[in-house]
PDB file of N, CA and C in Angstrom:
ATOM      1  N   MET A   1      13.655 -18.031  -1.301  1.00  0.00           N
ATOM      2  CA  MET A   1      12.508 -17.466  -0.629  1.00  0.00           C
ATOM      3  C   MET A   1      11.292 -18.382  -0.787  1.00  0.00           C
ATOM      4  N   ALA A   2      11.034 -18.835  -2.016  1.00  0.00           N
ATOM      5  CA  ALA A   2       9.896 -19.704  -2.251  1.00  0.00           C
ATOM      6  C   ALA A   2      10.088 -21.048  -1.560  1.00  0.00           C
ATOM      7  N   ALA A   3      11.339 -21.520  -1.515  1.00  0.00           N
ATOM      8  CA  ALA A   3      11.607 -22.803  -0.869  1.00  0.00           C
ATOM      9  C   ALA A   3      11.284 -22.742   0.616  1.00  0.00           C
ATOM     10  N   THR A   4      11.624 -21.624   1.262  1.00  0.00           N
ATOM     11  CA  THR A   4      11.324 -21.456   2.686  1.00  0.00           C
ATOM     12  C   THR A   4       9.817 -21.430   2.910  1.00  0.00           C
ATOM     13  N   ARG A   5       9.118 -20.722   2.059  1.00  0.00           N
ATOM     14  CA  ARG A   5       7.651 -20.661   2.188  1.00  0.00           C
ATOM     15  C   ARG A   5       7.033 -22.044   1.988  1.00  0.00           C
ATOM     16  N   TYR A   6       7.559 -22.767   1.022  1.00  0.00           N
ATOM     17  CA  TYR A   6       7.000 -24.093   0.751  1.00  0.00           C
ATOM     18  C   TYR A   6       7.246 -25.038   1.924  1.00  0.00           C
ATOM     19  N   ARG A   7       8.438 -24.968   2.535  1.00  0.00           N
ATOM     20  CA  ARG A   7       8.711 -25.804   3.715  1.00  0.00           C
ATOM     21  C   ARG A   7       7.777 -25.453   4.856  1.00  0.00           C
ATOM     22  N   ARG A   8       7.525 -24.166   5.049  1.00  0.00           N
ATOM     23  CA  ARG A   8       6.587 -23.749   6.096  1.00  0.00           C
ATOM     24  C   ARG A   8       5.183 -24.278   5.792  1.00  0.00           C
ATOM     25  N   PHE A   9       4.815 -24.236   4.527  1.00  0.00           N
ATOM     26  CA  PHE A   9       3.507 -24.758   4.129  1.00  0.00           C
ATOM     27  C   PHE A   9       3.415 -26.248   4.430  1.00  0.00           C
ATOM     28  N   LEU A  10       4.463 -27.004   4.100  1.00  0.00           N
ATOM     29  CA  LEU A  10       4.460 -28.443   4.368  1.00  0.00           C
ATOM     30  C   LEU A  10       4.370 -28.727   5.867  1.00  0.00           C
ATOM     31  N   ARG A  11       5.063 -27.925   6.660  1.00  0.00           N
ATOM     32  CA  ARG A  11       4.995 -28.083   8.113  1.00  0.00           C
ATOM     33  C   ARG A  11       3.572 -27.804   8.611  1.00  0.00           C
ATOM     34  N   LEU A  12       2.950 -26.788   8.062  1.00  0.00           N
ATOM     35  CA  LEU A  12       1.563 -26.472   8.423  1.00  0.00           C
ATOM     36  C   LEU A  12       0.625 -27.621   8.045  1.00  0.00           C
ATOM     37  N   CYS A  13       0.847 -28.211   6.880  1.00  0.00           N
ATOM     38  CA  CYS A  13       0.011 -29.333   6.444  1.00  0.00           C
ATOM     39  C   CYS A  13       0.153 -30.522   7.385  1.00  0.00           C
ATOM     40  N   GLU A  14       1.360 -30.747   7.894  1.00  0.00           N
ATOM     41  CA  GLU A  14       1.561 -31.850   8.829  1.00  0.00           C
ATOM     42  C   GLU A  14       0.784 -31.631  10.119  1.00  0.00           C
ATOM     43  N   GLU A  15       0.707 -30.376  10.550  1.00  0.00           N
ATOM     44  CA  GLU A  15       0.039 -30.059  11.811  1.00  0.00           C
ATOM     45  C   GLU A  15      -1.468 -29.893  11.658  1.00  0.00           C
ATOM     46  N   TRP A  16      -1.939 -29.558  10.468  1.00  0.00           N
ATOM     47  CA  TRP A  16      -3.361 -29.308  10.246  1.00  0.00           C
ATOM     48  C   TRP A  16      -4.017 -30.593   9.748  1.00  0.00           C
ATOM     49  N   PRO A  17      -4.869 -31.192  10.531  1.00  0.00           N
ATOM     50  CA  PRO A  17      -5.467 -32.465  10.112  1.00  0.00           C
ATOM     51  C   PRO A  17      -6.551 -32.258   9.054  1.00  0.00           C
ATOM     52  N   VAL A  18      -6.713 -33.288   8.256  1.00  0.00           N
ATOM     53  CA  VAL A  18      -7.797 -33.306   7.271  1.00  0.00           C
ATOM     54  C   VAL A  18      -8.926 -34.119   7.880  1.00  0.00           C
ATOM     55  N   GLU A  19     -10.109 -33.531   7.908  1.00  0.00           N
ATOM     56  CA  GLU A  19     -11.262 -34.223   8.490  1.00  0.00           C
ATOM     57  C   GLU A  19     -12.052 -34.898   7.383  1.00  0.00           C
ATOM     58  N   GLU A  20     -12.045 -36.203   7.396  1.00  0.00           N
ATOM     59  CA  GLU A  20     -12.738 -36.979   6.358  1.00  0.00           C
ATOM     60  C   GLU A  20     -14.246 -36.801   6.419  1.00  0.00           C
ATOM     61  N   THR A  21     -14.769 -36.430   7.572  1.00  0.00           N
ATOM     62  CA  THR A  21     -16.222 -36.282   7.715  1.00  0.00           C
ATOM     63  C   THR A  21     -16.747 -35.040   7.009  1.00  0.00           C
ATOM     64  N   LYS A  22     -15.870 -34.123   6.679  1.00  0.00           N
ATOM     65  CA  LYS A  22     -16.290 -32.869   6.027  1.00  0.00           C
ATOM     66  C   LYS A  22     -15.901 -32.890   4.554  1.00  0.00           C
ATOM     67  N   ARG A  23     -16.396 -33.820   3.812  1.00  0.00           N
ATOM     68  CA  ARG A  23     -16.071 -33.908   2.391  1.00  0.00           C
ATOM     69  C   ARG A  23     -16.522 -32.645   1.656  1.00  0.00           C
ATOM     70  N   GLN A  24     -15.668 -32.169   0.795  1.00  0.00           N
ATOM     71  CA  GLN A  24     -15.926 -31.007  -0.049  1.00  0.00           C
ATOM     72  C   GLN A  24     -16.042 -29.690   0.711  1.00  0.00           C
ATOM     73  N   ARG A  25     -15.815 -29.674   2.004  1.00  0.00           N
ATOM     74  CA  ARG A  25     -15.908 -28.417   2.751  1.00  0.00           C
ATOM     75  C   ARG A  25     -14.905 -28.353   3.889  1.00  0.00           C
ATOM     76  N   ASP A  26     -13.836 -29.135   3.805  1.00  0.00           N
ATOM     77  CA  ASP A  26     -12.806 -29.125   4.837  1.00  0.00           C
ATOM     78  C   ASP A  26     -11.832 -27.988   4.571  1.00  0.00           C
ATOM     79  N   LEU A  27     -11.594 -27.162   5.563  1.00  0.00           N
ATOM     80  CA  LEU A  27     -10.699 -26.014   5.415  1.00  0.00           C
ATOM     81  C   LEU A  27      -9.268 -26.462   5.130  1.00  0.00           C
ATOM     82  N   GLY A  28      -8.823 -27.523   5.772  1.00  0.00           N
ATOM     83  CA  GLY A  28      -7.470 -28.031   5.545  1.00  0.00           C
ATOM     84  C   GLY A  28      -7.243 -28.426   4.096  1.00  0.00           C
ATOM     85  N   VAL A  29      -8.205 -29.106   3.508  1.00  0.00           N
ATOM     86  CA  VAL A  29      -8.101 -29.513   2.106  1.00  0.00           C
ATOM     87  C   VAL A  29      -8.108 -28.286   1.201  1.00  0.00           C
ATOM     88  N   PHE A  30      -8.975 -27.335   1.492  1.00  0.00           N
ATOM     89  CA  PHE A  30      -9.070 -26.114   0.686  1.00  0.00           C
ATOM     90  C   PHE A  30      -7.752 -25.348   0.706  1.00  0.00           C
ATOM     91  N   ILE A  31      -7.166 -25.181   1.899  1.00  0.00           N
ATOM     92  CA  ILE A  31      -5.892 -24.456   2.014  1.00  0.00           C
ATOM     93  C   ILE A  31      -4.802 -25.184   1.242  1.00  0.00           C
ATOM     94  N   ARG A  32      -4.733 -26.494   1.366  1.00  0.00           N
ATOM     95  CA  ARG A  32      -3.723 -27.272   0.643  1.00  0.00           C
ATOM     96  C   ARG A  32      -3.853 -27.075  -0.872  1.00  0.00           C
ATOM     97  N   GLN A  33      -5.084 -27.108  -1.367  1.00  0.00           N
ATOM     98  CA  GLN A  33      -5.307 -26.945  -2.804  1.00  0.00           C
ATOM     99  C   GLN A  33      -4.909 -25.557  -3.283  1.00  0.00           C
ATOM    100  N   ARG A  34      -5.307 -24.522  -2.546  1.00  0.00           N
ATOM    101  CA  ARG A  34      -5.009 -23.136  -2.955  1.00  0.00           C
ATOM    102  C   ARG A  34      -3.516 -22.849  -2.925  1.00  0.00           C
ATOM    103  N   VAL A  35      -2.834 -23.308  -1.877  1.00  0.00           N
ATOM    104  CA  VAL A  35      -1.396 -23.051  -1.792  1.00  0.00           C
ATOM    105  C   VAL A  35      -0.654 -23.840  -2.857  1.00  0.00           C
ATOM    106  N   ALA A  36      -1.041 -25.088  -3.088  1.00  0.00           N
ATOM    107  CA  ALA A  36      -0.400 -25.881  -4.145  1.00  0.00           C
ATOM    108  C   ALA A  36      -0.577 -25.209  -5.503  1.00  0.00           C
ATOM    109  N   GLN A  37      -1.761 -24.683  -5.749  1.00  0.00           N
ATOM    110  CA  GLN A  37      -2.025 -23.986  -7.012  1.00  0.00           C
ATOM    111  C   GLN A  37      -1.144 -22.735  -7.121  1.00  0.00           C
ATOM    112  N   ALA A  38      -1.030 -21.983  -6.053  1.00  0.00           N
ATOM    113  CA  ALA A  38      -0.215 -20.767  -6.062  1.00  0.00           C
ATOM    114  C   ALA A  38       1.255 -21.103  -6.307  1.00  0.00           C
ATOM    115  N   PHE A  39       1.759 -22.167  -5.719  1.00  0.00           N
ATOM    116  CA  PHE A  39       3.151 -22.546  -5.947  1.00  0.00           C
ATOM    117  C   PHE A  39       3.361 -23.029  -7.376  1.00  0.00           C
ATOM    118  N   ARG A  40       2.374 -23.668  -7.963  1.00  0.00           N
ATOM    119  CA  ARG A  40       2.496 -24.082  -9.361  1.00  0.00           C
ATOM    120  C   ARG A  40       2.560 -22.869 -10.277  1.00  0.00           C
ATOM    121  N   GLU A  41       1.792 -21.836  -9.963  1.00  0.00           N
ATOM    122  CA  GLU A  41       1.758 -20.629 -10.801  1.00  0.00           C
ATOM    123  C   GLU A  41       3.001 -19.777 -10.634  1.00  0.00           C
ATOM    124  N   GLY A  42       3.707 -19.935  -9.531  1.00  0.00           N
ATOM    125  CA  GLY A  42       4.962 -19.216  -9.345  1.00  0.00           C
ATOM    126  C   GLY A  42       4.838 -18.059  -8.384  1.00  0.00           C
ATOM    127  N   GLU A  43       5.967 -17.379  -8.197  1.00  0.00           N
ATOM    128  CA  GLU A  43       6.082 -16.273  -7.249  1.00  0.00           C
ATOM    129  C   GLU A  43       5.235 -15.070  -7.637  1.00  0.00           C
ATOM    130  N   ASN A  44       5.010 -14.876  -8.921  1.00  0.00           N
ATOM    131  CA  ASN A  44       4.339 -13.658  -9.392  1.00  0.00           C
ATOM    132  C   ASN A  44       2.835 -13.820  -9.486  1.00  0.00           C
ATOM    133  N   THR A  45       2.269 -14.614  -8.619  1.00  0.00           N
ATOM    134  CA  THR A  45       0.825 -14.812  -8.635  1.00  0.00           C
ATOM    135  C   THR A  45       0.140 -13.473  -8.334  1.00  0.00           C
ATOM    136  N   GLN A  46      -0.764 -13.084  -9.207  1.00  0.00           N
ATOM    137  CA  GLN A  46      -1.496 -11.830  -9.033  1.00  0.00           C
ATOM    138  C   GLN A  46      -2.939 -12.155  -8.689  1.00  0.00           C
ATOM    139  N   TYR A  47      -3.448 -11.528  -7.680  1.00  0.00           N
ATOM    140  CA  TYR A  47      -4.850 -11.703  -7.321  1.00  0.00           C
ATOM    141  C   TYR A  47      -5.626 -10.488  -7.803  1.00  0.00           C
ATOM    142  N   PRO A  48      -6.810 -10.688  -8.353  1.00  0.00           N
ATOM    143  CA  PRO A  48      -7.569  -9.552  -8.894  1.00  0.00           C
ATOM    144  C   PRO A  48      -8.015  -8.607  -7.777  1.00  0.00           C
ATOM    145  N   ARG A  49      -7.964  -7.315  -8.076  1.00  0.00           N
ATOM    146  CA  ARG A  49      -8.436  -6.316  -7.125  1.00  0.00           C
ATOM    147  C   ARG A  49      -9.944  -6.255  -7.207  1.00  0.00           C
ATOM    148  N   LEU A  50     -10.579  -6.333  -6.059  1.00  0.00           N
ATOM    149  CA  LEU A  50     -12.036  -6.306  -6.044  1.00  0.00           C
ATOM    150  C   LEU A  50     -12.581  -4.884  -6.061  1.00  0.00           C
ATOM    151  N   LYS A  51     -11.783  -3.936  -5.550  1.00  0.00           N
ATOM    152  CA  LYS A  51     -12.223  -2.542  -5.500  1.00  0.00           C
ATOM    153  C   LYS A  51     -11.099  -1.640  -5.976  1.00  0.00           C
ATOM    154  N   ASP A  52     -11.443  -0.420  -6.371  1.00  0.00           N
ATOM    155  CA  ASP A  52     -10.450   0.537  -6.841  1.00  0.00           C
ATOM    156  C   ASP A  52      -9.919   1.420  -5.718  1.00  0.00           C
ATOM    157  N   THR A  53     -10.153   1.045  -4.479  1.00  0.00           N
ATOM    158  CA  THR A  53      -9.694   1.853  -3.358  1.00  0.00           C
ATOM    159  C   THR A  53      -8.761   1.029  -2.479  1.00  0.00           C
ATOM    160  N   SER A  54      -8.061   1.727  -1.598  1.00  0.00           N
ATOM    161  CA  SER A  54      -7.212   1.049  -0.624  1.00  0.00           C
ATOM    162  C   SER A  54      -8.001   0.896   0.672  1.00  0.00           C
ATOM    163  N   PHE A  55      -7.333   0.454   1.716  1.00  0.00           N
ATOM    164  CA  PHE A  55      -8.037   0.287   2.987  1.00  0.00           C
ATOM    165  C   PHE A  55      -8.527   1.614   3.540  1.00  0.00           C
ATOM    166  N   THR A  56      -7.955   2.722   3.080  1.00  0.00           N
ATOM    167  CA  THR A  56      -8.388   4.039   3.541  1.00  0.00           C
ATOM    168  C   THR A  56      -9.626   4.533   2.811  1.00  0.00           C
ATOM    169  N   GLY A  57      -9.941   3.898   1.679  1.00  0.00           N
ATOM    170  CA  GLY A  57     -11.082   4.331   0.887  1.00  0.00           C
ATOM    171  C   GLY A  57     -10.723   5.380  -0.147  1.00  0.00           C
ATOM    172  N   VAL A  58      -9.445   5.713  -0.271  1.00  0.00           N
ATOM    173  CA  VAL A  58      -8.986   6.718  -1.224  1.00  0.00           C
ATOM    174  C   VAL A  58      -8.700   6.038  -2.557  1.00  0.00           C
ATOM    175  N   THR A  59      -9.197   6.611  -3.642  1.00  0.00           N
ATOM    176  CA  THR A  59      -8.984   6.031  -4.962  1.00  0.00           C
ATOM    177  C   THR A  59      -7.593   6.403  -5.487  1.00  0.00           C
ATOM    178  N   VAL A  60      -7.187   5.727  -6.563  1.00  0.00           N
ATOM    179  CA  VAL A  60      -5.889   5.997  -7.179  1.00  0.00           C
ATOM    180  C   VAL A  60      -5.832   7.435  -7.687  1.00  0.00           C
ATOM    181  N   GLN A  61      -6.911   7.894  -8.277  1.00  0.00           N
ATOM    182  CA  GLN A  61      -6.945   9.263  -8.802  1.00  0.00           C
ATOM    183  C   GLN A  61      -6.791  10.277  -7.664  1.00  0.00           C
ATOM    184  N   ASP A  62      -7.457  10.025  -6.537  1.00  0.00           N
ATOM    185  CA  ASP A  62      -7.328  10.930  -5.394  1.00  0.00           C
ATOM    186  C   ASP A  62      -5.891  10.957  -4.881  1.00  0.00           C
ATOM    187  N   CYS A  63      -5.253   9.798  -4.820  1.00  0.00           N
ATOM    188  CA  CYS A  63      -3.862   9.734  -4.360  1.00  0.00           C
ATOM    189  C   CYS A  63      -2.949  10.525  -5.283  1.00  0.00           C
ATOM    190  N   LYS A  64      -3.151  10.372  -6.589  1.00  0.00           N
ATOM    191  CA  LYS A  64      -2.322  11.120  -7.544  1.00  0.00           C
ATOM    192  C   LYS A  64      -2.513  12.615  -7.378  1.00  0.00           C
ATOM    193  N   MET A  65      -3.756  13.029  -7.175  1.00  0.00           N
ATOM    194  CA  MET A  65      -4.027  14.456  -7.004  1.00  0.00           C
ATOM    195  C   MET A  65      -3.389  14.978  -5.719  1.00  0.00           C
ATOM    196  N   ILE A  66      -3.525  14.215  -4.640  1.00  0.00           N
ATOM    197  CA  ILE A  66      -2.982  14.652  -3.354  1.00  0.00           C
ATOM    198  C   ILE A  66      -1.468  14.752  -3.395  1.00  0.00           C
ATOM    199  N   LEU A  67      -0.831  13.834  -4.112  1.00  0.00           N
ATOM    200  CA  LEU A  67       0.625  13.796  -4.155  1.00  0.00           C
ATOM    201  C   LEU A  67       1.223  14.636  -5.274  1.00  0.00           C
ATOM    202  N   ALA A  68       0.395  15.367  -5.990  1.00  0.00           N
ATOM    203  CA  ALA A  68       0.904  16.239  -7.048  1.00  0.00           C
ATOM    204  C   ALA A  68       1.784  17.323  -6.436  1.00  0.00           C
ATOM    205  N   THR A  69       2.785  17.740  -7.190  1.00  0.00           N
ATOM    206  CA  THR A  69       3.758  18.714  -6.700  1.00  0.00           C
ATOM    207  C   THR A  69       3.100  20.015  -6.266  1.00  0.00           C
ATOM    208  N   ASP A  70       2.128  20.498  -7.029  1.00  0.00           N
ATOM    209  CA  ASP A  70       1.464  21.764  -6.697  1.00  0.00           C
ATOM    210  C   ASP A  70       0.746  21.672  -5.358  1.00  0.00           C
ATOM    211  N   ILE A  71       0.056  20.562  -5.123  1.00  0.00           N
ATOM    212  CA  ILE A  71      -0.677  20.388  -3.870  1.00  0.00           C
ATOM    213  C   ILE A  71       0.304  20.305  -2.700  1.00  0.00           C
ATOM    214  N   LEU A  72       1.398  19.559  -2.877  1.00  0.00           N
ATOM    215  CA  LEU A  72       2.384  19.443  -1.804  1.00  0.00           C
ATOM    216  C   LEU A  72       2.999  20.807  -1.478  1.00  0.00           C
ATOM    217  N   LYS A  73       3.227  21.632  -2.513  1.00  0.00           N
ATOM    218  CA  LYS A  73       3.765  22.981  -2.289  1.00  0.00           C
ATOM    219  C   LYS A  73       2.767  23.816  -1.493  1.00  0.00           C
ATOM    220  N   GLN A  74       1.487  23.726  -1.844  1.00  0.00           N
ATOM    221  CA  GLN A  74       0.462  24.466  -1.119  1.00  0.00           C
ATOM    222  C   GLN A  74       0.405  24.030   0.343  1.00  0.00           C
ATOM    223  N   MET A  75       0.499  22.728   0.571  1.00  0.00           N
ATOM    224  CA  MET A  75       0.454  22.227   1.941  1.00  0.00           C
ATOM    225  C   MET A  75       1.683  22.682   2.732  1.00  0.00           C
ATOM    226  N   GLU A  76       2.819  22.729   2.059  1.00  0.00           N
ATOM    227  CA  GLU A  76       4.031  23.204   2.726  1.00  0.00           C
ATOM    228  C   GLU A  76       3.891  24.677   3.103  1.00  0.00           C
ATOM    229  N   ASP A  77       3.301  25.457   2.205  1.00  0.00           N
ATOM    230  CA  ASP A  77       3.068  26.872   2.501  1.00  0.00           C
ATOM    231  C   ASP A  77       2.094  27.036   3.662  1.00  0.00           C
ATOM    232  N   MET A  78       1.108  26.143   3.756  1.00  0.00           N
ATOM    233  CA  MET A  78       0.134  26.222   4.843  1.00  0.00           C
ATOM    234  C   MET A  78       0.790  25.933   6.194  1.00  0.00           C
ATOM    235  N   LYS A  79       1.833  25.134   6.197  1.00  0.00           N
ATOM    236  CA  LYS A  79       2.509  24.776   7.438  1.00  0.00           C
ATOM    237  C   LYS A  79       3.308  25.950   8.012  1.00  0.00           C
ATOM    238  N   LYS A  80       3.694  26.875   7.154  1.00  0.00           N
ATOM    239  CA  LYS A  80       4.503  28.002   7.615  1.00  0.00           C
ATOM    240  C   LYS A  80       3.697  28.854   8.583  1.00  0.00           C
ATOM    241  N   GLY A  81       4.377  29.324   9.580  1.00  0.00           N
ATOM    242  CA  GLY A  81       3.727  30.189  10.545  1.00  0.00           C
ATOM    243  C   GLY A  81       3.518  31.593  10.000  1.00  0.00           C
ATOM    244  N   THR A  82       2.709  32.368  10.687  1.00  0.00           N
ATOM    245  CA  THR A  82       2.388  33.731  10.249  1.00  0.00           C
ATOM    246  C   THR A  82       3.643  34.595  10.190  1.00  0.00           C
ATOM    247  N   TRP A  83       4.472  34.527  11.205  1.00  0.00           N
ATOM    248  CA  TRP A  83       5.680  35.355  11.227  1.00  0.00           C
ATOM    249  C   TRP A  83       6.621  35.004  10.084  1.00  0.00           C
ATOM    250  N   ARG A  84       6.733  33.740   9.794  1.00  0.00           N
ATOM    251  CA  ARG A  84       7.620  33.327   8.710  1.00  0.00           C
ATOM    252  C   ARG A  84       7.105  33.848   7.371  1.00  0.00           C
ATOM    253  N   LYS A  85       5.792  33.787   7.164  1.00  0.00           N
ATOM    254  CA  LYS A  85       5.212  34.307   5.925  1.00  0.00           C
ATOM    255  C   LYS A  85       5.457  35.814   5.802  1.00  0.00           C
ATOM    256  N   LEU A  86       5.231  36.540   6.910  1.00  0.00           N
ATOM    257  CA  LEU A  86       5.449  37.994   6.884  1.00  0.00           C
ATOM    258  C   LEU A  86       6.912  38.324   6.618  1.00  0.00           C
ATOM    259  N   ARG A  87       7.798  37.558   7.247  1.00  0.00           N
ATOM    260  CA  ARG A  87       9.232  37.805   7.072  1.00  0.00           C
ATOM    261  C   ARG A  87       9.636  37.575   5.618  1.00  0.00           C
ATOM    262  N   GLU A  88       9.126  36.494   4.994  1.00  0.00           N
ATOM    263  CA  GLU A  88       9.449  36.219   3.594  1.00  0.00           C
ATOM    264  C   GLU A  88       8.921  37.328   2.686  1.00  0.00           C
ATOM    265  N   ARG A  89       7.705  37.820   2.954  1.00  0.00           N
ATOM    266  CA  ARG A  89       7.155  38.924   2.143  1.00  0.00           C
ATOM    267  C   ARG A  89       7.971  40.195   2.329  1.00  0.00           C
ATOM    268  N   PHE A  90       8.358  40.484   3.584  1.00  0.00           N
ATOM    269  CA  PHE A  90       9.118  41.680   3.876  1.00  0.00           C
ATOM    270  C   PHE A  90      10.464  41.649   3.160  1.00  0.00           C
ATOM    271  N   TYR A  91      11.153  40.499   3.248  1.00  0.00           N
ATOM    272  CA  TYR A  91      12.456  40.394   2.601  1.00  0.00           C
ATOM    273  C   TYR A  91      12.328  40.423   1.089  1.00  0.00           C
ATOM    274  N   ALA A  92      11.248  39.906   0.545  1.00  0.00           N
ATOM    275  CA  ALA A  92      11.033  39.938  -0.901  1.00  0.00           C
ATOM    276  C   ALA A  92      10.834  41.384  -1.352  1.00  0.00           C
ATOM    277  N   LYS A  93      10.029  42.178  -0.581  1.00  0.00           N
ATOM    278  CA  LYS A  93       9.817  43.598  -0.930  1.00  0.00           C
ATOM    279  C   LYS A  93      11.095  44.381  -0.775  1.00  0.00           C
ATOM    280  N   LYS A  94      11.855  44.088   0.280  1.00  0.00           N
ATOM    281  CA  LYS A  94      13.094  44.807   0.541  1.00  0.00           C
ATOM    282  C   LYS A  94      14.112  44.556  -0.577  1.00  0.00           C
ATOM    283  N   SER A  95      14.218  43.327  -1.038  1.00  0.00           N
ATOM    284  CA  SER A  95      15.169  43.006  -2.113  1.00  0.00           C
ATOM    285  C   SER A  95      14.729  43.656  -3.425  1.00  0.00           C
ATOM    286  N   GLU A  96      13.413  43.822  -3.653  1.00  0.00           N
ATOM    287  CA  GLU A  96      12.933  44.509  -4.843  1.00  0.00           C
ATOM    288  C   GLU A  96      13.303  45.985  -4.789  1.00  0.00           C
ATOM    289  N   GLU A  97      13.201  46.610  -3.617  1.00  0.00           N
ATOM    290  CA  GLU A  97      13.530  48.017  -3.466  1.00  0.00           C
ATOM    291  C   GLU A  97      15.031  48.230  -3.629  1.00  0.00           C
ATOM    292  N   ASP A  98      15.840  47.299  -3.136  1.00  0.00           N
ATOM    293  CA  ASP A  98      17.283  47.414  -3.240  1.00  0.00           C
ATOM    294  C   ASP A  98      17.747  47.304  -4.692  1.00  0.00           C
ATOM    295  N   SER A  99      17.033  46.533  -5.501  1.00  0.00           N
ATOM    296  CA  SER A  99      17.428  46.343  -6.900  1.00  0.00           C
ATOM    297  C   SER A  99      17.055  47.530  -7.766  1.00  0.00           C
ATOM    298  N   LYS A 100      16.182  48.441  -7.266  1.00  0.00           N
ATOM    299  CA  LYS A 100      15.765  49.607  -8.069  1.00  0.00           C
ATOM    300  C   LYS A 100      16.804  50.671  -8.069  1.00  0.00           C
TER     301      LYS A 100
END
């Protein structure tokens, strides 16, 4: 996998010219340096997170709360229609009366 990426990078370098007139600010040189550094560090290069949110703006704590089992159960109950809720209550009462 890394070998394929590196070959693609080399192909990109061949096609992307380095402009000598832009010393210290050439994008081609910058990209070459950053990619070479990343390949030296290996596949597990980690970049620091600048914010504690995702692209949606939801924090990790909010995601954990939303995905908690209790919340998911409540949301599932909210999806049920009125007739289904009444039917479940009716059958629950009926089974209680039958057991007496």
